[in-house]
Amino acid sequence: MFSMATAGSLWPARAIVQAQTNNTVQDTTLARHEETLKKIDTLSDQLSEANKHMAVMETRFNDEVKHGARE
């Protein structure tokens, strides 16, 4: 009877530990996903900035080609 009571009392403790472990894993996974999203945002911003510079360079190039063709 003593071992049954002990086993019965261990079950809730084991369930609590398992839930905490699951929460820790989920928290770690969520943190990694959030970090990945931040990296994606940063790369997206960098790409947008690069595209702006490329558009300016293309405009300048096209202007130089037009002026060169007129000469």
C-alpha atoms as a PDB file:
ATOM      1  CA  MET A   1       0.000   0.000   0.000  1.00  0.00           C
ATOM      2  CA  PHE A   2       2.903   2.335   0.697  1.00  0.00           C
ATOM      3  CA  SER A   3       4.388   1.847  -2.775  1.00  0.00           C
ATOM      4  CA  MET A   4       0.992   2.429  -4.394  1.00  0.00           C
ATOM      5  CA  ALA A   5       0.585   5.721  -2.557  1.00  0.00           C
ATOM      6  CA  THR A   6       4.099   6.718  -3.552  1.00  0.00           C
ATOM      7  CA  ALA A   7       3.549   5.788  -7.170  1.00  0.00           C
ATOM      8  CA  GLY A   8       0.254   7.658  -7.150  1.00  0.00           C
ATOM      9  CA  SER A   9       1.861  10.776  -5.728  1.00  0.00           C
ATOM     10  CA  LEU A  10       4.719  10.619  -8.233  1.00  0.00           C
ATOM     11  CA  TRP A  11       2.370  10.679 -11.220  1.00  0.00           C
ATOM     12  CA  PRO A  12       1.281  14.320 -10.749  1.00  0.00           C
ATOM     13  CA  ALA A  13       4.880  15.393 -10.111  1.00  0.00           C
ATOM     14  CA  ARG A  14       6.021  13.583 -13.268  1.00  0.00           C
ATOM     15  CA  ALA A  15       3.217  15.245 -15.255  1.00  0.00           C
ATOM     16  CA  ILE A  16       4.287  18.675 -13.950  1.00  0.00           C
ATOM     17  CA  VAL A  17       7.923  18.050 -14.870  1.00  0.00           C
ATOM     18  CA  GLN A  18       6.880  16.809 -18.319  1.00  0.00           C
ATOM     19  CA  ALA A  19       4.701  19.895 -18.870  1.00  0.00           C
ATOM     20  CA  GLN A  20       7.571  22.166 -17.810  1.00  0.00           C
ATOM     21  CA  THR A  21       9.914  20.318 -20.171  1.00  0.00           C
ATOM     22  CA  ASN A  22       7.415  20.695 -23.020  1.00  0.00           C
ATOM     23  CA  ASN A  23       7.022  24.408 -22.228  1.00  0.00           C
ATOM     24  CA  THR A  24      10.787  24.869 -22.198  1.00  0.00           C
ATOM     25  CA  VAL A  25      11.126  23.157 -25.574  1.00  0.00           C
ATOM     26  CA  GLN A  26       8.280  25.248 -26.986  1.00  0.00           C
ATOM     27  CA  ASP A  27       9.792  28.442 -25.567  1.00  0.00           C
ATOM     28  CA  THR A  28      13.178  27.585 -27.070  1.00  0.00           C
ATOM     29  CA  THR A  29      11.599  26.798 -30.439  1.00  0.00           C
ATOM     30  CA  LEU A  30       9.585  30.016 -30.347  1.00  0.00           C
ATOM     31  CA  ALA A  31      12.701  32.035 -29.514  1.00  0.00           C
ATOM     32  CA  ARG A  32      14.522  30.468 -32.488  1.00  0.00           C
ATOM     33  CA  HIS A  33      11.603  31.254 -34.792  1.00  0.00           C
ATOM     34  CA  GLU A  34      11.479  34.845 -33.553  1.00  0.00           C
ATOM     35  CA  GLU A  35      15.221  35.206 -34.157  1.00  0.00           C
ATOM     36  CA  THR A  36      14.803  33.782 -37.662  1.00  0.00           C
ATOM     37  CA  LEU A  37      11.999  36.255 -38.386  1.00  0.00           C
ATOM     38  CA  LYS A  38      14.201  39.125 -37.193  1.00  0.00           C
ATOM     39  CA  LYS A  39      16.959  37.963 -39.537  1.00  0.00           C
ATOM     40  CA  ILE A  40      14.479  37.744 -42.411  1.00  0.00           C
ATOM     41  CA  ASP A  41      13.263  41.287 -41.673  1.00  0.00           C
ATOM     42  CA  THR A  42      16.839  42.557 -41.629  1.00  0.00           C
ATOM     43  CA  LEU A  43      17.661  40.833 -44.908  1.00  0.00           C
ATOM     44  CA  SER A  44      14.457  42.139 -46.456  1.00  0.00           C
ATOM     45  CA  ASP A  45      15.358  45.688 -45.430  1.00  0.00           C
ATOM     46  CA  GLN A  46      18.862  45.258 -46.859  1.00  0.00           C
ATOM     47  CA  LEU A  47      17.456  43.911 -50.112  1.00  0.00           C
ATOM     48  CA  SER A  48      15.026  46.829 -50.404  1.00  0.00           C
ATOM     49  CA  GLU A  49      17.890  49.271 -49.854  1.00  0.00           C
ATOM     50  CA  ALA A  50      20.027  47.489 -52.450  1.00  0.00           C
ATOM     51  CA  ASN A  51      17.148  47.613 -54.934  1.00  0.00           C
ATOM     52  CA  LYS A  52      16.860  51.383 -54.422  1.00  0.00           C
ATOM     53  CA  HIS A  53      20.570  51.798 -55.135  1.00  0.00           C
ATOM     54  CA  MET A  54      20.299  49.590 -58.211  1.00  0.00           C
ATOM     55  CA  ALA A  55      17.388  51.692 -59.517  1.00  0.00           C
ATOM     56  CA  VAL A  56      19.444  54.864 -59.094  1.00  0.00           C
ATOM     57  CA  MET A  57      22.430  53.280 -60.836  1.00  0.00           C
ATOM     58  CA  GLU A  58      20.208  52.041 -63.677  1.00  0.00           C
ATOM     59  CA  THR A  59      18.749  55.509 -64.153  1.00  0.00           C
ATOM     60  CA  ARG A  60      22.228  57.054 -64.234  1.00  0.00           C
ATOM     61  CA  PHE A  61      23.440  54.422 -66.666  1.00  0.00           C
ATOM     62  CA  ASN A  62      20.463  54.928 -68.967  1.00  0.00           C
ATOM     63  CA  ASP A  63      21.002  58.692 -68.865  1.00  0.00           C
ATOM     64  CA  GLU A  64      24.669  58.243 -69.786  1.00  0.00           C
ATOM     65  CA  VAL A  65      23.764  55.896 -72.647  1.00  0.00           C
ATOM     66  CA  LYS A  66      21.214  58.388 -73.991  1.00  0.00           C
ATOM     67  CA  HIS A  67      23.665  61.268 -73.749  1.00  0.00           C
ATOM     68  CA  GLY A  68      26.411  59.189 -75.311  1.00  0.00           C
ATOM     69  CA  ALA A  69      24.169  58.226 -78.227  1.00  0.00           C
ATOM     70  CA  ARG A  70      23.372  61.883 -78.945  1.00  0.00           C
ATOM     71  CA  GLU A  71      27.015  62.864 -79.216  1.00  0.00           C
END
